[in-house]
Amino acid sequence: MVIRSINLETVCGVTSVLPENDRPEIAFAGKSNVGKSSLINALMNRKSYARISATPGKTQTINFYNINGELYLVDLPGYGYAKVSEKERAQWGRLIEGYLHGSSQLRAVFLLIDIRHEPSANDKMMYRWVTEQGYEPVIIATKLDKIKRSQIQKHIKMLKEGLNVVPGTKVIPFSSVTKQGRDDIWELIEQEYLADGEEQPLE
């Protein structure tokens, strides 16, 4: 994907109405500080278009990034951060659930998991929850540069077993430092979710 234009087109909070987009949407979910904003910046070829915060749980909105007028990258709020209140966590849950149920253009959910560690209880819950909404999430194993090359397959197996993934689930290792995995993610998006024959030809 050659990035020609980017526009943060819509920001949805708890009380916002979801936009009625007419282009495919690709959503990204993950717990706080897993590297979601860094991944989205890497996909957009920008250093800091998606705001990166040192404060976990900072993203409390759904952000719609219009890419080339062809599709939307949708940044979902980070989940599972302990220092926010139960009320805030419940609001984020409703926000994400409302989007997963309410979007007519959502094509895929990418779930970010830290490749270094076994999936947390929140990771497992989010994976089950997304599958229960009818989606088969693609797993993006972040922080790839933090482990040795010889450990990659072992850690991918650990993630798959920890999440008890559906057979055939795609796992893409990714590093925001080296950008390894970026092209694989774009290739998957273009082949699987933009060329499904249901959309009007993209300009």
N, C-alpha and C. Protein backbone atom coordinates (compact mmCIF):
# COMPACT_ATOMS: atom_id res chain seq x y z
N MET A 1 0.85 -1.20 0.00
CA MET A 1 0.00 0.00 0.00
C MET A 1 0.88 1.24 0.00
N VAL A 2 0.74 2.06 -1.04
CA VAL A 2 1.43 3.35 -1.10
C VAL A 2 0.55 4.38 -0.42
N ILE A 3 1.05 5.00 0.64
CA ILE A 3 0.26 5.95 1.40
C ILE A 3 0.35 7.32 0.75
N ARG A 4 -0.77 7.77 0.18
CA ARG A 4 -0.80 9.09 -0.47
C ARG A 4 -1.45 10.15 0.41
N SER A 5 -2.43 9.73 1.20
CA SER A 5 -3.10 10.70 2.06
C SER A 5 -3.63 10.02 3.32
N ILE A 6 -3.62 10.77 4.41
CA ILE A 6 -4.13 10.29 5.70
C ILE A 6 -4.97 11.40 6.30
N ASN A 7 -6.10 11.02 6.86
CA ASN A 7 -6.93 12.01 7.54
C ASN A 7 -7.59 11.38 8.75
N LEU A 8 -7.32 11.93 9.93
CA LEU A 8 -8.05 11.50 11.12
C LEU A 8 -9.44 12.10 10.98
N GLU A 9 -10.35 11.31 10.45
CA GLU A 9 -11.62 11.83 9.97
C GLU A 9 -12.68 11.92 11.07
N THR A 10 -12.70 10.90 11.95
CA THR A 10 -13.74 10.85 12.98
C THR A 10 -13.14 10.37 14.29
N VAL A 11 -13.54 11.00 15.39
CA VAL A 11 -13.17 10.55 16.73
C VAL A 11 -14.48 10.33 17.50
N CYS A 12 -14.71 9.09 17.93
CA CYS A 12 -15.96 8.73 18.60
C CYS A 12 -15.73 8.45 20.07
N GLY A 13 -16.46 9.14 20.92
CA GLY A 13 -16.45 8.86 22.35
C GLY A 13 -17.64 8.01 22.72
N VAL A 14 -17.86 7.88 24.02
CA VAL A 14 -18.92 7.00 24.52
C VAL A 14 -20.29 7.41 24.01
N THR A 15 -20.53 8.71 23.92
CA THR A 15 -21.86 9.18 23.52
C THR A 15 -21.96 9.50 22.03
N SER A 16 -20.90 9.27 21.28
CA SER A 16 -20.89 9.62 19.86
C SER A 16 -21.69 8.63 19.02
N VAL A 17 -22.16 9.12 17.90
CA VAL A 17 -22.81 8.25 16.91
C VAL A 17 -21.75 7.79 15.93
N LEU A 18 -21.73 6.49 15.62
CA LEU A 18 -20.74 5.96 14.70
C LEU A 18 -20.94 6.55 13.30
N PRO A 19 -19.84 6.82 12.61
CA PRO A 19 -19.97 7.36 11.25
C PRO A 19 -20.50 6.31 10.28
N GLU A 20 -21.22 6.78 9.27
CA GLU A 20 -21.71 5.87 8.23
C GLU A 20 -20.73 5.91 7.06
N ASN A 21 -19.63 5.20 7.23
CA ASN A 21 -18.59 5.20 6.21
C ASN A 21 -19.00 4.33 5.02
N ASP A 22 -18.40 4.62 3.87
CA ASP A 22 -18.70 3.82 2.68
C ASP A 22 -17.45 3.13 2.15
N ARG A 23 -16.46 2.99 3.02
CA ARG A 23 -15.24 2.28 2.66
C ARG A 23 -14.94 1.23 3.73
N PRO A 24 -14.19 0.17 3.38
CA PRO A 24 -13.90 -0.89 4.36
C PRO A 24 -13.17 -0.35 5.58
N GLU A 25 -13.46 -0.93 6.73
CA GLU A 25 -12.81 -0.56 7.99
C GLU A 25 -12.03 -1.76 8.52
N ILE A 26 -10.80 -1.49 8.95
CA ILE A 26 -9.94 -2.49 9.57
C ILE A 26 -9.66 -2.02 10.98
N ALA A 27 -10.10 -2.79 11.98
CA ALA A 27 -9.99 -2.34 13.37
C ALA A 27 -8.81 -2.98 14.07
N PHE A 28 -8.22 -2.23 15.01
CA PHE A 28 -7.08 -2.69 15.78
C PHE A 28 -7.41 -2.61 17.26
N ALA A 29 -7.31 -3.75 17.94
CA ALA A 29 -7.61 -3.82 19.37
C ALA A 29 -6.38 -4.36 20.10
N GLY A 30 -6.26 -4.00 21.35
CA GLY A 30 -5.13 -4.49 22.15
C GLY A 30 -5.14 -3.83 23.50
N LYS A 31 -4.49 -4.48 24.45
CA LYS A 31 -4.47 -3.89 25.79
C LYS A 31 -3.56 -2.68 25.81
N SER A 32 -3.71 -1.87 26.83
CA SER A 32 -2.94 -0.64 26.96
C SER A 32 -1.44 -0.93 26.90
N ASN A 33 -0.70 -0.09 26.17
CA ASN A 33 0.76 -0.17 26.05
C ASN A 33 1.27 -1.38 25.28
N VAL A 34 0.41 -2.00 24.46
CA VAL A 34 0.88 -3.13 23.65
C VAL A 34 1.54 -2.65 22.36
N GLY A 35 1.39 -1.35 22.05
CA GLY A 35 2.02 -0.80 20.85
C GLY A 35 1.06 -0.53 19.72
N LYS A 36 -0.20 -0.29 20.04
CA LYS A 36 -1.21 -0.10 18.99
C LYS A 36 -0.97 1.18 18.18
N SER A 37 -0.75 2.30 18.88
CA SER A 37 -0.50 3.56 18.17
C SER A 37 0.78 3.47 17.34
N SER A 38 1.80 2.79 17.88
CA SER A 38 3.06 2.63 17.13
C SER A 38 2.83 1.81 15.86
N LEU A 39 2.00 0.78 15.95
CA LEU A 39 1.69 -0.04 14.77
C LEU A 39 0.95 0.79 13.73
N ILE A 40 -0.05 1.54 14.17
CA ILE A 40 -0.83 2.33 13.21
C ILE A 40 0.04 3.39 12.56
N ASN A 41 0.92 4.02 13.34
CA ASN A 41 1.86 4.98 12.75
C ASN A 41 2.75 4.31 11.71
N ALA A 42 3.22 3.10 12.02
CA ALA A 42 4.08 2.38 11.07
C ALA A 42 3.32 2.06 9.79
N LEU A 43 2.07 1.64 9.91
CA LEU A 43 1.27 1.33 8.72
C LEU A 43 1.04 2.58 7.88
N MET A 44 0.92 3.73 8.54
CA MET A 44 0.67 4.99 7.83
C MET A 44 1.96 5.69 7.39
N ASN A 45 3.11 5.08 7.73
CA ASN A 45 4.40 5.71 7.40
C ASN A 45 4.56 7.07 8.05
N ARG A 46 4.04 7.20 9.25
CA ARG A 46 4.19 8.44 9.99
C ARG A 46 4.80 8.13 11.35
N LYS A 47 5.53 9.10 11.90
CA LYS A 47 6.18 8.85 13.19
C LYS A 47 5.22 9.04 14.35
N SER A 48 4.35 10.03 14.26
CA SER A 48 3.52 10.31 15.43
C SER A 48 2.14 10.85 15.07
N TYR A 49 1.59 10.35 13.98
CA TYR A 49 0.24 10.81 13.60
C TYR A 49 -0.78 10.28 14.62
N ALA A 50 -0.69 8.98 14.90
CA ALA A 50 -1.49 8.43 16.00
C ALA A 50 -0.74 8.73 17.29
N ARG A 51 -1.41 9.36 18.22
CA ARG A 51 -0.73 9.81 19.42
C ARG A 51 -0.27 8.64 20.29
N ILE A 52 1.00 8.66 20.63
CA ILE A 52 1.58 7.63 21.49
C ILE A 52 1.74 8.24 22.88
N SER A 53 1.23 7.56 23.87
CA SER A 53 1.29 8.10 25.22
C SER A 53 2.04 7.15 26.14
N ALA A 54 2.79 7.72 27.05
CA ALA A 54 3.45 6.91 28.08
C ALA A 54 2.47 6.51 29.17
N THR A 55 1.29 7.12 29.12
CA THR A 55 0.27 6.82 30.12
C THR A 55 -0.68 5.75 29.60
N PRO A 56 -0.62 4.53 30.13
CA PRO A 56 -1.53 3.49 29.66
C PRO A 56 -2.98 3.90 29.83
N GLY A 57 -3.81 3.45 28.89
CA GLY A 57 -5.23 3.76 28.98
C GLY A 57 -5.58 5.15 28.48
N LYS A 58 -4.65 5.79 27.76
CA LYS A 58 -4.87 7.17 27.32
C LYS A 58 -5.91 7.25 26.21
N THR A 59 -5.89 6.31 25.29
CA THR A 59 -6.85 6.33 24.19
C THR A 59 -8.22 5.89 24.70
N GLN A 60 -9.14 6.84 24.77
CA GLN A 60 -10.48 6.53 25.27
C GLN A 60 -11.54 6.76 24.20
N THR A 61 -11.10 6.85 22.97
CA THR A 61 -12.02 7.07 21.86
C THR A 61 -11.72 6.07 20.75
N ILE A 62 -12.65 5.97 19.81
CA ILE A 62 -12.42 5.21 18.59
C ILE A 62 -12.02 6.21 17.51
N ASN A 63 -10.83 6.02 16.96
CA ASN A 63 -10.29 6.96 15.98
C ASN A 63 -10.30 6.34 14.58
N PHE A 64 -10.89 7.05 13.63
CA PHE A 64 -11.01 6.55 12.25
C PHE A 64 -10.03 7.31 11.36
N TYR A 65 -9.03 6.59 10.85
CA TYR A 65 -8.04 7.18 9.95
C TYR A 65 -8.37 6.80 8.51
N ASN A 66 -8.68 7.81 7.70
CA ASN A 66 -8.99 7.59 6.29
C ASN A 66 -7.68 7.51 5.51
N ILE A 67 -7.45 6.36 4.88
CA ILE A 67 -6.21 6.14 4.13
C ILE A 67 -6.50 6.18 2.63
N ASN A 68 -5.96 7.18 1.95
CA ASN A 68 -6.08 7.32 0.49
C ASN A 68 -7.52 7.41 0.00
N GLY A 69 -8.47 7.66 0.90
CA GLY A 69 -9.87 7.63 0.48
C GLY A 69 -10.34 6.24 0.13
N GLU A 70 -9.55 5.20 0.51
CA GLU A 70 -9.87 3.83 0.12
C GLU A 70 -10.35 2.96 1.27
N LEU A 71 -9.83 3.23 2.46
CA LEU A 71 -10.20 2.41 3.61
C LEU A 71 -9.94 3.19 4.88
N TYR A 72 -10.44 2.64 6.00
CA TYR A 72 -10.21 3.24 7.31
C TYR A 72 -9.44 2.27 8.19
N LEU A 73 -8.39 2.78 8.84
CA LEU A 73 -7.77 2.09 9.95
C LEU A 73 -8.44 2.61 11.21
N VAL A 74 -9.00 1.70 12.01
CA VAL A 74 -9.80 2.10 13.16
C VAL A 74 -9.08 1.70 14.44
N ASP A 75 -8.71 2.70 15.22
CA ASP A 75 -7.97 2.50 16.47
C ASP A 75 -8.96 2.41 17.62
N LEU A 76 -9.09 1.22 18.21
CA LEU A 76 -10.02 1.02 19.32
C LEU A 76 -9.33 1.33 20.65
N PRO A 77 -10.09 1.72 21.67
CA PRO A 77 -9.47 2.04 22.97
C PRO A 77 -8.73 0.84 23.55
N GLY A 78 -7.59 1.11 24.19
CA GLY A 78 -6.86 0.04 24.87
C GLY A 78 -7.66 -0.50 26.04
N TYR A 79 -7.52 -1.78 26.31
CA TYR A 79 -8.30 -2.39 27.38
C TYR A 79 -7.38 -2.92 28.47
N GLY A 80 -7.95 -3.17 29.63
CA GLY A 80 -7.25 -3.93 30.65
C GLY A 80 -6.31 -3.16 31.54
N TYR A 81 -6.38 -1.83 31.53
CA TYR A 81 -5.46 -1.10 32.40
C TYR A 81 -6.07 -0.93 33.78
N ALA A 82 -5.34 -1.35 34.79
CA ALA A 82 -5.90 -1.49 36.14
C ALA A 82 -6.22 -0.16 36.82
N LYS A 83 -5.53 0.91 36.44
CA LYS A 83 -5.68 2.15 37.20
C LYS A 83 -6.89 2.99 36.79
N VAL A 84 -7.63 2.55 35.79
CA VAL A 84 -8.86 3.27 35.47
C VAL A 84 -10.00 2.66 36.27
N SER A 85 -11.06 3.42 36.44
CA SER A 85 -12.16 2.96 37.29
C SER A 85 -12.99 1.90 36.58
N GLU A 86 -13.76 1.16 37.36
CA GLU A 86 -14.68 0.16 36.81
C GLU A 86 -15.65 0.83 35.84
N LYS A 87 -16.09 2.03 36.19
CA LYS A 87 -17.04 2.74 35.34
C LYS A 87 -16.42 3.03 33.98
N GLU A 88 -15.16 3.48 33.99
CA GLU A 88 -14.47 3.77 32.72
C GLU A 88 -14.29 2.50 31.89
N ARG A 89 -13.91 1.42 32.58
CA ARG A 89 -13.72 0.15 31.86
C ARG A 89 -15.03 -0.30 31.22
N ALA A 90 -16.11 -0.15 31.96
CA ALA A 90 -17.42 -0.54 31.44
C ALA A 90 -17.81 0.32 30.24
N GLN A 91 -17.48 1.61 30.31
CA GLN A 91 -17.78 2.50 29.18
C GLN A 91 -16.99 2.10 27.94
N TRP A 92 -15.70 1.79 28.13
CA TRP A 92 -14.88 1.37 26.99
C TRP A 92 -15.44 0.09 26.38
N GLY A 93 -15.87 -0.84 27.26
CA GLY A 93 -16.45 -2.10 26.77
C GLY A 93 -17.67 -1.84 25.92
N ARG A 94 -18.53 -0.94 26.38
CA ARG A 94 -19.74 -0.62 25.61
C ARG A 94 -19.38 0.07 24.30
N LEU A 95 -18.37 0.92 24.37
CA LEU A 95 -17.92 1.64 23.17
C LEU A 95 -17.44 0.66 22.10
N ILE A 96 -16.58 -0.27 22.50
CA ILE A 96 -16.05 -1.25 21.55
C ILE A 96 -17.15 -2.19 21.06
N GLU A 97 -17.99 -2.65 21.98
CA GLU A 97 -19.07 -3.56 21.59
C GLU A 97 -20.04 -2.88 20.62
N GLY A 98 -20.34 -1.60 20.91
CA GLY A 98 -21.22 -0.85 20.02
C GLY A 98 -20.65 -0.74 18.63
N TYR A 99 -19.34 -0.57 18.55
CA TYR A 99 -18.69 -0.48 17.23
C TYR A 99 -18.72 -1.83 16.51
N LEU A 100 -18.33 -2.90 17.21
CA LEU A 100 -18.29 -4.22 16.57
C LEU A 100 -19.67 -4.62 16.05
N HIS A 101 -20.72 -4.25 16.77
CA HIS A 101 -22.08 -4.58 16.35
C HIS A 101 -22.64 -3.58 15.35
N GLY A 102 -22.19 -2.31 15.47
CA GLY A 102 -22.85 -1.25 14.72
C GLY A 102 -22.23 -0.88 13.39
N SER A 103 -20.98 -1.27 13.15
CA SER A 103 -20.33 -0.89 11.90
C SER A 103 -20.75 -1.81 10.77
N SER A 104 -21.19 -1.22 9.68
CA SER A 104 -21.57 -2.02 8.51
C SER A 104 -20.38 -2.28 7.59
N GLN A 105 -19.28 -1.57 7.82
CA GLN A 105 -18.11 -1.67 6.94
C GLN A 105 -16.93 -2.42 7.56
N LEU A 106 -17.06 -2.87 8.80
CA LEU A 106 -15.94 -3.55 9.46
C LEU A 106 -15.63 -4.86 8.76
N ARG A 107 -14.39 -4.98 8.28
CA ARG A 107 -13.99 -6.17 7.53
C ARG A 107 -13.15 -7.13 8.37
N ALA A 108 -12.37 -6.58 9.32
CA ALA A 108 -11.46 -7.45 10.07
C ALA A 108 -11.07 -6.77 11.38
N VAL A 109 -10.76 -7.61 12.37
CA VAL A 109 -10.24 -7.13 13.64
C VAL A 109 -8.85 -7.71 13.83
N PHE A 110 -7.87 -6.84 14.02
CA PHE A 110 -6.51 -7.25 14.32
C PHE A 110 -6.31 -7.08 15.82
N LEU A 111 -5.92 -8.17 16.49
CA LEU A 111 -5.74 -8.14 17.94
C LEU A 111 -4.25 -8.18 18.26
N LEU A 112 -3.77 -7.15 18.94
CA LEU A 112 -2.34 -7.04 19.26
C LEU A 112 -2.04 -7.69 20.60
N ILE A 113 -1.03 -8.58 20.59
CA ILE A 113 -0.59 -9.27 21.80
C ILE A 113 0.92 -9.15 21.89
N ASP A 114 1.45 -8.90 23.05
CA ASP A 114 2.90 -8.80 23.28
C ASP A 114 3.52 -10.19 23.11
N ILE A 115 4.43 -10.31 22.14
CA ILE A 115 5.01 -11.62 21.82
C ILE A 115 5.88 -12.17 22.95
N ARG A 116 6.31 -11.30 23.86
CA ARG A 116 7.26 -11.74 24.89
C ARG A 116 6.61 -12.58 25.98
N HIS A 117 5.31 -12.39 26.19
CA HIS A 117 4.67 -12.99 27.37
C HIS A 117 3.48 -13.86 26.98
N GLU A 118 3.13 -14.76 27.87
CA GLU A 118 1.90 -15.51 27.67
C GLU A 118 0.73 -14.54 27.70
N PRO A 119 -0.32 -14.81 26.93
CA PRO A 119 -1.47 -13.90 26.91
C PRO A 119 -2.05 -13.72 28.32
N SER A 120 -2.40 -12.48 28.63
CA SER A 120 -2.98 -12.18 29.94
C SER A 120 -4.45 -12.59 29.96
N ALA A 121 -5.05 -12.54 31.14
CA ALA A 121 -6.48 -12.85 31.25
C ALA A 121 -7.29 -11.89 30.38
N ASN A 122 -6.87 -10.62 30.34
CA ASN A 122 -7.57 -9.65 29.49
C ASN A 122 -7.42 -9.97 28.01
N ASP A 123 -6.23 -10.42 27.60
CA ASP A 123 -6.02 -10.81 26.21
C ASP A 123 -6.95 -11.97 25.83
N LYS A 124 -7.00 -12.96 26.71
CA LYS A 124 -7.85 -14.13 26.44
C LYS A 124 -9.32 -13.74 26.36
N MET A 125 -9.72 -12.87 27.28
CA MET A 125 -11.11 -12.42 27.30
C MET A 125 -11.44 -11.65 26.01
N MET A 126 -10.52 -10.77 25.58
CA MET A 126 -10.76 -9.99 24.37
C MET A 126 -10.83 -10.89 23.14
N TYR A 127 -9.94 -11.88 23.08
CA TYR A 127 -9.95 -12.80 21.94
C TYR A 127 -11.29 -13.55 21.87
N ARG A 128 -11.71 -14.09 23.01
CA ARG A 128 -12.99 -14.82 23.04
C ARG A 128 -14.15 -13.90 22.67
N TRP A 129 -14.10 -12.70 23.18
CA TRP A 129 -15.18 -11.75 22.98
C TRP A 129 -15.30 -11.38 21.50
N VAL A 130 -14.16 -11.11 20.86
CA VAL A 130 -14.20 -10.76 19.43
C VAL A 130 -14.72 -11.92 18.60
N THR A 131 -14.29 -13.14 18.93
CA THR A 131 -14.79 -14.30 18.17
C THR A 131 -16.28 -14.50 18.40
N GLU A 132 -16.74 -14.20 19.61
CA GLU A 132 -18.18 -14.33 19.90
C GLU A 132 -19.01 -13.30 19.13
N GLN A 133 -18.38 -12.20 18.73
CA GLN A 133 -19.08 -11.20 17.92
C GLN A 133 -19.11 -11.60 16.44
N GLY A 134 -18.50 -12.75 16.13
CA GLY A 134 -18.57 -13.24 14.75
C GLY A 134 -17.33 -12.97 13.92
N TYR A 135 -16.27 -12.48 14.54
CA TYR A 135 -15.04 -12.18 13.79
C TYR A 135 -13.95 -13.20 14.15
N GLU A 136 -13.05 -13.43 13.20
CA GLU A 136 -11.88 -14.26 13.46
C GLU A 136 -10.66 -13.34 13.48
N PRO A 137 -10.27 -12.88 14.65
CA PRO A 137 -9.20 -11.87 14.69
C PRO A 137 -7.87 -12.40 14.17
N VAL A 138 -7.16 -11.52 13.49
CA VAL A 138 -5.78 -11.77 13.11
C VAL A 138 -4.91 -11.32 14.28
N ILE A 139 -3.99 -12.15 14.73
CA ILE A 139 -3.13 -11.81 15.86
C ILE A 139 -1.86 -11.10 15.35
N ILE A 140 -1.61 -9.92 15.88
CA ILE A 140 -0.34 -9.25 15.61
C ILE A 140 0.50 -9.35 16.87
N ALA A 141 1.61 -10.06 16.77
CA ALA A 141 2.50 -10.29 17.91
C ALA A 141 3.52 -9.16 17.96
N THR A 142 3.29 -8.19 18.84
CA THR A 142 4.12 -6.98 18.88
C THR A 142 5.40 -7.17 19.70
N LYS A 143 6.25 -6.16 19.65
CA LYS A 143 7.52 -6.13 20.40
C LYS A 143 8.49 -7.21 19.91
N LEU A 144 8.41 -7.51 18.62
CA LEU A 144 9.23 -8.57 18.04
C LEU A 144 10.72 -8.35 18.25
N ASP A 145 11.14 -7.09 18.24
CA ASP A 145 12.57 -6.79 18.39
C ASP A 145 13.09 -7.08 19.80
N LYS A 146 12.19 -7.38 20.74
CA LYS A 146 12.59 -7.63 22.12
C LYS A 146 13.00 -9.09 22.38
N ILE A 147 12.78 -9.96 21.39
CA ILE A 147 13.19 -11.36 21.58
C ILE A 147 14.16 -11.77 20.47
N LYS A 148 14.88 -12.84 20.70
CA LYS A 148 15.84 -13.34 19.71
C LYS A 148 15.10 -14.01 18.56
N ARG A 149 15.72 -13.95 17.39
CA ARG A 149 15.12 -14.56 16.21
C ARG A 149 14.82 -16.04 16.44
N SER A 150 15.71 -16.71 17.17
CA SER A 150 15.53 -18.15 17.41
C SER A 150 14.33 -18.46 18.31
N GLN A 151 13.80 -17.43 19.00
CA GLN A 151 12.68 -17.64 19.91
C GLN A 151 11.32 -17.40 19.28
N ILE A 152 11.32 -16.86 18.06
CA ILE A 152 10.06 -16.38 17.48
C ILE A 152 9.00 -17.48 17.39
N GLN A 153 9.35 -18.62 16.79
CA GLN A 153 8.35 -19.67 16.59
C GLN A 153 7.84 -20.22 17.93
N LYS A 154 8.74 -20.34 18.88
CA LYS A 154 8.35 -20.81 20.22
C LYS A 154 7.33 -19.86 20.85
N HIS A 155 7.56 -18.57 20.70
CA HIS A 155 6.66 -17.58 21.30
C HIS A 155 5.34 -17.50 20.55
N ILE A 156 5.37 -17.67 19.24
CA ILE A 156 4.11 -17.70 18.48
C ILE A 156 3.26 -18.88 18.93
N LYS A 157 3.90 -20.02 19.10
CA LYS A 157 3.18 -21.20 19.60
C LYS A 157 2.58 -20.93 20.98
N MET A 158 3.35 -20.24 21.82
CA MET A 158 2.88 -19.89 23.16
C MET A 158 1.62 -19.02 23.09
N LEU A 159 1.62 -18.04 22.16
CA LEU A 159 0.46 -17.18 22.01
C LEU A 159 -0.75 -17.97 21.53
N LYS A 160 -0.53 -18.81 20.53
CA LYS A 160 -1.65 -19.58 19.97
C LYS A 160 -2.27 -20.49 21.02
N GLU A 161 -1.41 -21.16 21.78
CA GLU A 161 -1.91 -22.07 22.80
C GLU A 161 -2.57 -21.31 23.94
N GLY A 162 -1.97 -20.18 24.32
CA GLY A 162 -2.52 -19.39 25.41
C GLY A 162 -3.89 -18.82 25.11
N LEU A 163 -4.08 -18.43 23.85
CA LEU A 163 -5.37 -17.87 23.43
C LEU A 163 -6.36 -18.96 23.00
N ASN A 164 -5.83 -20.18 22.80
CA ASN A 164 -6.66 -21.28 22.28
C ASN A 164 -7.33 -20.85 20.97
N VAL A 165 -6.49 -20.44 20.02
CA VAL A 165 -7.00 -19.83 18.80
C VAL A 165 -7.72 -20.85 17.91
N VAL A 166 -8.60 -20.31 17.08
CA VAL A 166 -9.28 -21.11 16.07
C VAL A 166 -8.22 -21.63 15.09
N PRO A 167 -8.28 -22.90 14.68
CA PRO A 167 -7.31 -23.42 13.71
C PRO A 167 -7.28 -22.54 12.45
N GLY A 168 -6.07 -22.29 11.98
CA GLY A 168 -5.92 -21.46 10.79
C GLY A 168 -5.77 -19.98 11.07
N THR A 169 -5.84 -19.59 12.36
CA THR A 169 -5.70 -18.17 12.72
C THR A 169 -4.32 -17.66 12.30
N LYS A 170 -4.31 -16.51 11.65
CA LYS A 170 -3.04 -15.91 11.22
C LYS A 170 -2.39 -15.16 12.38
N VAL A 171 -1.07 -15.35 12.51
CA VAL A 171 -0.29 -14.62 13.50
C VAL A 171 0.85 -13.92 12.76
N ILE A 172 0.93 -12.59 12.88
CA ILE A 172 1.96 -11.82 12.19
C ILE A 172 2.87 -11.16 13.22
N PRO A 173 4.13 -11.59 13.33
CA PRO A 173 5.06 -10.92 14.23
C PRO A 173 5.36 -9.51 13.71
N PHE A 174 5.45 -8.54 14.64
CA PHE A 174 5.65 -7.15 14.22
C PHE A 174 6.56 -6.42 15.20
N SER A 175 7.40 -5.54 14.63
CA SER A 175 8.24 -4.65 15.45
C SER A 175 8.06 -3.23 14.97
N SER A 176 7.70 -2.33 15.89
CA SER A 176 7.58 -0.92 15.53
C SER A 176 8.96 -0.29 15.36
N VAL A 177 9.99 -0.95 15.87
CA VAL A 177 11.36 -0.43 15.78
C VAL A 177 11.95 -0.73 14.40
N THR A 178 11.88 -1.99 13.97
CA THR A 178 12.46 -2.39 12.70
C THR A 178 11.46 -2.35 11.55
N LYS A 179 10.16 -2.23 11.88
CA LYS A 179 9.05 -2.26 10.92
C LYS A 179 8.85 -3.65 10.32
N GLN A 180 9.53 -4.66 10.86
CA GLN A 180 9.30 -6.01 10.37
C GLN A 180 7.84 -6.40 10.60
N GLY A 181 7.20 -6.93 9.58
CA GLY A 181 5.81 -7.32 9.67
C GLY A 181 4.86 -6.31 9.04
N ARG A 182 5.34 -5.08 8.86
CA ARG A 182 4.47 -4.03 8.29
C ARG A 182 3.94 -4.42 6.91
N ASP A 183 4.84 -4.84 6.03
CA ASP A 183 4.42 -5.19 4.67
C ASP A 183 3.49 -6.41 4.68
N ASP A 184 3.74 -7.35 5.60
CA ASP A 184 2.88 -8.53 5.69
C ASP A 184 1.46 -8.14 6.08
N ILE A 185 1.33 -7.18 6.98
CA ILE A 185 0.01 -6.73 7.41
C ILE A 185 -0.72 -6.05 6.25
N TRP A 186 -0.03 -5.16 5.54
CA TRP A 186 -0.67 -4.49 4.41
C TRP A 186 -1.04 -5.48 3.32
N GLU A 187 -0.17 -6.44 3.07
CA GLU A 187 -0.47 -7.44 2.03
C GLU A 187 -1.73 -8.23 2.38
N LEU A 188 -1.85 -8.60 3.66
CA LEU A 188 -3.04 -9.32 4.10
C LEU A 188 -4.29 -8.46 3.95
N ILE A 189 -4.21 -7.19 4.36
CA ILE A 189 -5.35 -6.29 4.25
C ILE A 189 -5.78 -6.14 2.80
N GLU A 190 -4.81 -5.93 1.91
CA GLU A 190 -5.14 -5.70 0.50
C GLU A 190 -5.72 -6.95 -0.16
N GLN A 191 -5.15 -8.09 0.15
CA GLN A 191 -5.58 -9.33 -0.51
C GLN A 191 -6.89 -9.88 0.05
N GLU A 192 -7.05 -9.78 1.37
CA GLU A 192 -8.19 -10.44 2.01
C GLU A 192 -9.40 -9.52 2.19
N TYR A 193 -9.16 -8.24 2.41
CA TYR A 193 -10.26 -7.39 2.84
C TYR A 193 -10.59 -6.23 1.90
N LEU A 194 -9.71 -5.97 0.93
CA LEU A 194 -10.02 -4.91 -0.03
C LEU A 194 -10.39 -5.46 -1.39
N ALA A 195 -10.12 -6.71 -1.62
CA ALA A 195 -10.37 -7.31 -2.94
C ALA A 195 -11.42 -8.41 -2.84
N ASP A 196 -12.47 -8.14 -2.04
CA ASP A 196 -13.46 -9.19 -1.84
C ASP A 196 -14.59 -9.18 -2.84
N GLY A 197 -14.52 -8.22 -3.77
CA GLY A 197 -15.53 -8.21 -4.82
C GLY A 197 -16.83 -7.55 -4.42
N GLU A 198 -17.00 -7.21 -3.15
CA GLU A 198 -18.25 -6.63 -2.71
C GLU A 198 -18.23 -5.11 -2.81
N GLU A 199 -17.03 -4.55 -2.77
CA GLU A 199 -16.93 -3.09 -2.80
C GLU A 199 -17.00 -2.56 -4.23
N GLN A 200 -17.41 -1.30 -4.35
CA GLN A 200 -17.29 -0.63 -5.61
C GLN A 200 -15.80 -0.45 -5.90
N PRO A 201 -15.43 -0.36 -7.18
CA PRO A 201 -14.01 -0.14 -7.48
C PRO A 201 -13.50 1.10 -6.76
N LEU A 202 -12.34 0.98 -6.15
CA LEU A 202 -11.77 2.09 -5.40
C LEU A 202 -11.06 3.04 -6.34
N GLU A 203 -11.24 4.31 -6.11
CA GLU A 203 -10.61 5.30 -6.97
C GLU A 203 -9.12 5.40 -6.69
